[in-house]
Amino acid sequence: MSTTNKIFVVIAILLAAVNLIDFVLYGQKIRNLAGAAGFALMAFGTYKDLNWASIFGAALALAAIVAKYVA
């Protein structure tokens, strides 16, 4: 794994942790749980070089962001 992939994995894990903390402490909204799962899948997919996990995680995280600002 290259250095840029390591940085991306760390950032994705931090974003997943932030969304999980938001889910637990601030209202338990499903969009926060979806965001945490999406960012965790993106980190896992990047770490293990699984394109399907990265794509599904990105779609899930994007849906959570859209749900937060549109709905």
N, C-alpha and C. Protein backbone atom coordinates (compact mmCIF):
# COMPACT_ATOMS: atom_id res chain seq x y z
N MET A 1 0.86 -1.17 0.00
CA MET A 1 0.00 0.00 0.00
C MET A 1 0.90 1.23 0.00
N SER A 2 0.55 2.17 -0.87
CA SER A 2 1.36 3.38 -0.99
C SER A 2 1.03 4.37 0.13
N THR A 3 1.80 5.41 0.21
CA THR A 3 1.63 6.41 1.27
C THR A 3 0.30 7.14 1.13
N THR A 4 -0.08 7.45 -0.10
CA THR A 4 -1.36 8.15 -0.29
C THR A 4 -2.53 7.26 0.12
N ASN A 5 -2.44 5.96 -0.12
CA ASN A 5 -3.51 5.06 0.33
C ASN A 5 -3.57 5.00 1.84
N LYS A 6 -2.42 5.03 2.51
CA LYS A 6 -2.41 5.01 3.97
C LYS A 6 -3.07 6.26 4.54
N ILE A 7 -2.79 7.40 3.93
CA ILE A 7 -3.39 8.65 4.39
C ILE A 7 -4.90 8.62 4.18
N PHE A 8 -5.34 8.11 3.02
CA PHE A 8 -6.76 8.01 2.74
C PHE A 8 -7.46 7.07 3.72
N VAL A 9 -6.83 5.96 4.05
CA VAL A 9 -7.42 5.01 5.00
C VAL A 9 -7.57 5.67 6.38
N VAL A 10 -6.57 6.39 6.82
CA VAL A 10 -6.63 7.06 8.12
C VAL A 10 -7.73 8.12 8.13
N ILE A 11 -7.84 8.89 7.07
CA ILE A 11 -8.89 9.92 7.00
C ILE A 11 -10.27 9.28 6.98
N ALA A 12 -10.43 8.20 6.22
CA ALA A 12 -11.72 7.52 6.16
C ALA A 12 -12.10 6.93 7.51
N ILE A 13 -11.13 6.39 8.24
CA ILE A 13 -11.40 5.84 9.57
C ILE A 13 -11.81 6.96 10.53
N LEU A 14 -11.13 8.10 10.45
CA LEU A 14 -11.50 9.23 11.30
C LEU A 14 -12.91 9.74 10.99
N LEU A 15 -13.27 9.83 9.72
CA LEU A 15 -14.61 10.25 9.36
C LEU A 15 -15.67 9.24 9.80
N ALA A 16 -15.34 7.96 9.73
CA ALA A 16 -16.26 6.93 10.21
C ALA A 16 -16.45 7.06 11.72
N ALA A 17 -15.37 7.33 12.44
CA ALA A 17 -15.47 7.49 13.89
C ALA A 17 -16.30 8.71 14.26
N VAL A 18 -16.13 9.81 13.52
CA VAL A 18 -16.91 11.02 13.79
C VAL A 18 -18.39 10.76 13.56
N ASN A 19 -18.73 10.08 12.47
CA ASN A 19 -20.13 9.76 12.20
C ASN A 19 -20.70 8.81 13.23
N LEU A 20 -19.90 7.87 13.71
CA LEU A 20 -20.37 6.94 14.73
C LEU A 20 -20.60 7.66 16.06
N ILE A 21 -19.73 8.60 16.40
CA ILE A 21 -19.93 9.40 17.62
C ILE A 21 -21.18 10.26 17.49
N ASP A 22 -21.39 10.85 16.31
CA ASP A 22 -22.62 11.62 16.08
C ASP A 22 -23.85 10.73 16.23
N PHE A 23 -23.77 9.51 15.74
CA PHE A 23 -24.91 8.59 15.86
C PHE A 23 -25.20 8.26 17.32
N VAL A 24 -24.18 7.99 18.09
CA VAL A 24 -24.38 7.57 19.47
C VAL A 24 -24.80 8.73 20.37
N LEU A 25 -24.19 9.89 20.19
CA LEU A 25 -24.41 10.98 21.13
C LEU A 25 -25.47 12.00 20.71
N TYR A 26 -25.71 12.15 19.43
CA TYR A 26 -26.54 13.26 18.98
C TYR A 26 -27.75 12.82 18.17
N GLY A 27 -28.63 12.03 18.76
CA GLY A 27 -29.92 11.80 18.16
C GLY A 27 -30.14 10.48 17.46
N GLN A 28 -29.15 9.68 17.27
CA GLN A 28 -29.26 8.36 16.66
C GLN A 28 -30.02 8.41 15.34
N LYS A 29 -29.58 9.26 14.44
CA LYS A 29 -30.18 9.35 13.12
C LYS A 29 -29.50 8.35 12.19
N ILE A 30 -30.31 7.71 11.37
CA ILE A 30 -29.80 6.64 10.52
C ILE A 30 -28.77 7.14 9.51
N ARG A 31 -28.84 8.43 9.15
CA ARG A 31 -27.86 8.95 8.19
C ARG A 31 -26.46 8.95 8.78
N ASN A 32 -26.34 9.15 10.09
CA ASN A 32 -25.02 9.09 10.72
C ASN A 32 -24.47 7.68 10.73
N LEU A 33 -25.34 6.71 10.94
CA LEU A 33 -24.91 5.32 10.91
C LEU A 33 -24.52 4.91 9.49
N ALA A 34 -25.29 5.37 8.50
CA ALA A 34 -24.96 5.08 7.10
C ALA A 34 -23.63 5.73 6.72
N GLY A 35 -23.39 6.94 7.19
CA GLY A 35 -22.11 7.60 6.92
C GLY A 35 -20.94 6.86 7.54
N ALA A 36 -21.12 6.41 8.76
CA ALA A 36 -20.06 5.65 9.43
C ALA A 36 -19.77 4.35 8.70
N ALA A 37 -20.82 3.65 8.30
CA ALA A 37 -20.64 2.40 7.56
C ALA A 37 -20.00 2.65 6.20
N GLY A 38 -20.40 3.72 5.54
CA GLY A 38 -19.83 4.05 4.23
C GLY A 38 -18.36 4.38 4.30
N PHE A 39 -17.99 5.22 5.24
CA PHE A 39 -16.56 5.57 5.36
C PHE A 39 -15.74 4.37 5.82
N ALA A 40 -16.30 3.53 6.68
CA ALA A 40 -15.58 2.32 7.10
C ALA A 40 -15.40 1.36 5.92
N LEU A 41 -16.42 1.22 5.08
CA LEU A 41 -16.28 0.38 3.89
C LEU A 41 -15.26 0.94 2.91
N MET A 42 -15.22 2.26 2.78
CA MET A 42 -14.21 2.86 1.90
C MET A 42 -12.80 2.59 2.43
N ALA A 43 -12.62 2.69 3.74
CA ALA A 43 -11.31 2.41 4.33
C ALA A 43 -10.94 0.94 4.15
N PHE A 44 -11.90 0.06 4.39
CA PHE A 44 -11.65 -1.38 4.24
C PHE A 44 -11.33 -1.73 2.79
N GLY A 45 -12.11 -1.17 1.87
CA GLY A 45 -11.87 -1.45 0.46
C GLY A 45 -10.53 -0.94 -0.03
N THR A 46 -10.11 0.20 0.47
CA THR A 46 -8.80 0.74 0.09
C THR A 46 -7.68 -0.08 0.71
N TYR A 47 -7.87 -0.50 1.94
CA TYR A 47 -6.84 -1.27 2.64
C TYR A 47 -6.63 -2.65 2.00
N LYS A 48 -7.73 -3.30 1.63
CA LYS A 48 -7.65 -4.65 1.07
C LYS A 48 -7.68 -4.68 -0.46
N ASP A 49 -7.68 -3.52 -1.10
CA ASP A 49 -7.76 -3.41 -2.56
C ASP A 49 -8.99 -4.11 -3.13
N LEU A 50 -10.13 -3.87 -2.51
CA LEU A 50 -11.40 -4.39 -2.98
C LEU A 50 -12.22 -3.23 -3.56
N ASN A 51 -12.30 -3.20 -4.87
CA ASN A 51 -12.98 -2.08 -5.52
C ASN A 51 -14.46 -2.04 -5.20
N TRP A 52 -15.10 -3.20 -5.10
CA TRP A 52 -16.54 -3.22 -4.84
C TRP A 52 -16.85 -2.62 -3.48
N ALA A 53 -16.02 -2.86 -2.49
CA ALA A 53 -16.26 -2.31 -1.15
C ALA A 53 -16.04 -0.80 -1.14
N SER A 54 -15.04 -0.34 -1.85
CA SER A 54 -14.79 1.10 -1.92
C SER A 54 -15.93 1.84 -2.63
N ILE A 55 -16.42 1.26 -3.71
CA ILE A 55 -17.50 1.89 -4.46
C ILE A 55 -18.79 1.89 -3.66
N PHE A 56 -19.12 0.77 -3.04
CA PHE A 56 -20.33 0.70 -2.23
C PHE A 56 -20.24 1.64 -1.02
N GLY A 57 -19.07 1.71 -0.41
CA GLY A 57 -18.86 2.63 0.72
C GLY A 57 -18.98 4.08 0.31
N ALA A 58 -18.44 4.41 -0.86
CA ALA A 58 -18.53 5.79 -1.35
C ALA A 58 -19.98 6.16 -1.64
N ALA A 59 -20.73 5.24 -2.21
CA ALA A 59 -22.15 5.50 -2.48
C ALA A 59 -22.93 5.68 -1.19
N LEU A 60 -22.63 4.86 -0.20
CA LEU A 60 -23.32 4.95 1.09
C LEU A 60 -22.96 6.25 1.82
N ALA A 61 -21.70 6.62 1.80
CA ALA A 61 -21.28 7.87 2.44
C ALA A 61 -21.85 9.09 1.71
N LEU A 62 -21.89 9.05 0.39
CA LEU A 62 -22.48 10.14 -0.38
C LEU A 62 -23.97 10.27 -0.11
N ALA A 63 -24.65 9.14 0.00
CA ALA A 63 -26.09 9.17 0.32
C ALA A 63 -26.32 9.77 1.70
N ALA A 64 -25.45 9.48 2.65
CA ALA A 64 -25.59 10.04 4.00
C ALA A 64 -25.37 11.55 3.99
N ILE A 65 -24.41 12.02 3.21
CA ILE A 65 -24.15 13.46 3.12
C ILE A 65 -25.31 14.17 2.44
N VAL A 66 -25.83 13.57 1.37
CA VAL A 66 -26.98 14.16 0.69
C VAL A 66 -28.20 14.20 1.61
N ALA A 67 -28.41 13.12 2.35
CA ALA A 67 -29.55 13.08 3.28
C ALA A 67 -29.42 14.14 4.36
N LYS A 68 -28.20 14.44 4.77
CA LYS A 68 -28.01 15.44 5.81
C LYS A 68 -28.34 16.84 5.32
N TYR A 69 -27.96 17.16 4.10
CA TYR A 69 -28.09 18.53 3.63
C TYR A 69 -29.32 18.79 2.75
N VAL A 70 -29.95 17.74 2.25
CA VAL A 70 -31.12 17.91 1.40
C VAL A 70 -32.40 17.72 2.20
N ALA A 71 -32.44 16.68 3.00
CA ALA A 71 -33.68 16.37 3.73
C ALA A 71 -33.77 17.14 5.03
